[in-house]
Amino acid sequence: MVGQSEYLLFLRELGRLHIDLQNCSDTQVCIDISQDILLLQKALDLTAIQ
């Protein structure tokens, strides 16, 4: 399980990635950012379960 400070870091990074995705104009970069978002969400879900 992650602590509150780690959880906030996850959320901050997810927010940053969402902003980057909204401002993205290159298709491949948008795909990469989307994959990063999905991986980070999955990591947060997995660590919250343990």
Protein backbone atom coordinates (compact mmCIF):
# COMPACT_ATOMS: atom_id res chain seq x y z
CA MET A 1 0.00 0.00 0.00
CA VAL A 2 1.28 3.46 -0.81
CA GLY A 3 1.34 6.26 1.69
CA GLN A 4 -0.48 9.53 1.31
CA SER A 5 2.55 11.38 -0.07
CA GLU A 6 3.18 8.68 -2.69
CA TYR A 7 -0.50 8.68 -3.62
CA LEU A 8 -0.38 12.45 -4.13
CA LEU A 9 2.68 12.05 -6.35
CA PHE A 10 0.80 9.51 -8.47
CA LEU A 11 -2.12 11.93 -8.81
CA ARG A 12 0.13 14.86 -9.65
CA GLU A 13 1.88 12.87 -12.36
CA LEU A 14 -1.45 11.67 -13.76
CA GLY A 15 -2.65 15.26 -13.89
CA ARG A 16 0.52 16.37 -15.65
CA LEU A 17 0.18 13.58 -18.20
CA HIS A 18 -3.46 14.48 -18.87
CA ILE A 19 -2.45 18.10 -19.53
CA ASP A 20 0.35 16.93 -21.82
CA LEU A 21 -2.14 14.72 -23.67
CA GLN A 22 -4.55 17.62 -24.18
CA ASN A 23 -1.75 19.79 -25.58
CA CYS A 24 -0.30 17.04 -27.75
CA SER A 25 -0.31 17.42 -31.52
CA ASP A 26 1.87 14.47 -32.58
CA THR A 27 -0.10 11.24 -32.88
CA GLN A 28 2.71 8.94 -31.72
CA VAL A 29 3.47 11.15 -28.72
CA CYS A 30 -0.24 11.16 -27.82
CA ILE A 31 -0.27 7.36 -27.98
CA ASP A 32 2.83 7.18 -25.77
CA ILE A 33 1.31 9.56 -23.22
CA SER A 34 -1.93 7.55 -23.20
CA GLN A 35 0.03 4.37 -22.54
CA ASP A 36 1.91 6.10 -19.70
CA ILE A 37 -1.40 7.17 -18.17
CA LEU A 38 -2.78 3.64 -18.34
CA LEU A 39 0.39 2.15 -16.84
CA LEU A 40 0.46 4.68 -14.02
CA GLN A 41 -3.22 4.06 -13.24
CA LYS A 42 -2.58 0.30 -13.24
CA ALA A 43 0.41 0.75 -10.92
CA LEU A 44 -1.67 2.85 -8.55
CA ASP A 45 -4.43 0.24 -8.55
CA LEU A 46 -1.98 -2.60 -7.89
CA THR A 47 -0.21 -0.83 -5.04
CA ALA A 48 -3.50 0.16 -3.43
CA ILE A 49 -4.62 -3.48 -3.31
CA GLN A 50 -1.53 -4.74 -1.50
